[in-house]
């Protein structure tokens, strides 16, 4: 196992991993229930204590 092999392996699979993670995050944000959850989270500071 040489440095060049590990470098090429990490570049190839690292790119695949990061692209897959990006697609998962985009799909998570664009799901139908996400807007309601984001609005609920945005209103947390304005809720009354107690």
C-alpha atoms as a PDB file:
ATOM      1  CA  UNK A   1       0.000   0.000   0.000  1.00  0.00           C
ATOM      2  CA  UNK A   2       1.640   3.178  -1.149  1.00  0.00           C
ATOM      3  CA  UNK A   3       0.970   6.827  -0.495  1.00  0.00           C
ATOM      4  CA  UNK A   4      -0.243   7.345  -4.065  1.00  0.00           C
ATOM      5  CA  UNK A   5      -2.764   4.525  -3.742  1.00  0.00           C
ATOM      6  CA  UNK A   6      -4.139   5.889  -0.477  1.00  0.00           C
ATOM      7  CA  UNK A   7      -4.298   9.399  -1.902  1.00  0.00           C
ATOM      8  CA  UNK A   8      -6.192   8.268  -5.007  1.00  0.00           C
ATOM      9  CA  UNK A   9      -8.501   6.094  -2.918  1.00  0.00           C
ATOM     10  CA  UNK A  10      -9.336   8.910  -0.513  1.00  0.00           C
ATOM     11  CA  UNK A  11      -9.917  11.410  -3.315  1.00  0.00           C
ATOM     12  CA  UNK A  12     -12.296   9.074  -5.129  1.00  0.00           C
ATOM     13  CA  UNK A  13     -14.281   7.745  -2.180  1.00  0.00           C
ATOM     14  CA  UNK A  14     -14.085  11.009  -0.257  1.00  0.00           C
ATOM     15  CA  UNK A  15     -15.734  12.803  -3.151  1.00  0.00           C
ATOM     16  CA  UNK A  16     -18.414  10.118  -3.333  1.00  0.00           C
ATOM     17  CA  UNK A  17     -19.013  10.299   0.432  1.00  0.00           C
ATOM     18  CA  UNK A  18     -19.273  14.089   0.522  1.00  0.00           C
ATOM     19  CA  UNK A  19     -21.567  14.184  -2.522  1.00  0.00           C
ATOM     20  CA  UNK A  20     -23.835  11.568  -0.933  1.00  0.00           C
ATOM     21  CA  UNK A  21     -23.907  13.511   2.331  1.00  0.00           C
ATOM     22  CA  UNK A  22     -24.785  16.699   0.432  1.00  0.00           C
ATOM     23  CA  UNK A  23     -27.679  14.999  -1.370  1.00  0.00           C
ATOM     24  CA  UNK A  24     -28.970  13.573   1.941  1.00  0.00           C
ATOM     25  CA  UNK A  25     -28.894  17.015   3.586  1.00  0.00           C
ATOM     26  CA  UNK A  26     -30.719  18.599   0.638  1.00  0.00           C
ATOM     27  CA  UNK A  27     -33.395  15.897   0.682  1.00  0.00           C
ATOM     28  CA  UNK A  28     -33.764  16.265   4.462  1.00  0.00           C
ATOM     29  CA  UNK A  29     -34.273  20.021   4.179  1.00  0.00           C
ATOM     30  CA  UNK A  30     -36.720  19.759   1.274  1.00  0.00           C
ATOM     31  CA  UNK A  31     -39.000  17.187   2.877  1.00  0.00           C
ATOM     32  CA  UNK A  32     -42.609  18.319   3.379  1.00  0.00           C
ATOM     33  CA  UNK A  33     -42.509  18.498   7.186  1.00  0.00           C
ATOM     34  CA  UNK A  34     -39.296  20.552   7.320  1.00  0.00           C
ATOM     35  CA  UNK A  35     -40.972  23.954   6.946  1.00  0.00           C
ATOM     36  CA  UNK A  36     -43.233  23.432   9.956  1.00  0.00           C
ATOM     37  CA  UNK A  37     -40.320  22.245  12.081  1.00  0.00           C
ATOM     38  CA  UNK A  38     -38.186  25.225  11.029  1.00  0.00           C
ATOM     39  CA  UNK A  39     -40.959  27.670  11.929  1.00  0.00           C
ATOM     40  CA  UNK A  40     -41.412  25.953  15.289  1.00  0.00           C
ATOM     41  CA  UNK A  41     -37.686  26.159  16.014  1.00  0.00           C
ATOM     42  CA  UNK A  42     -37.598  29.827  14.974  1.00  0.00           C
ATOM     43  CA  UNK A  43     -40.286  30.671  17.531  1.00  0.00           C
ATOM     44  CA  UNK A  44     -38.526  29.098  20.531  1.00  0.00           C
ATOM     45  CA  UNK A  45     -37.122  32.415  21.835  1.00  0.00           C
ATOM     46  CA  UNK A  46     -40.584  33.969  21.829  1.00  0.00           C
ATOM     47  CA  UNK A  47     -42.274  31.280  23.912  1.00  0.00           C
ATOM     48  CA  UNK A  48     -43.193  32.154  27.462  1.00  0.00           C
ATOM     49  CA  UNK A  49     -41.235  30.524  30.246  1.00  0.00           C
ATOM     50  CA  UNK A  50     -42.993  28.254  32.597  1.00  0.00           C
END
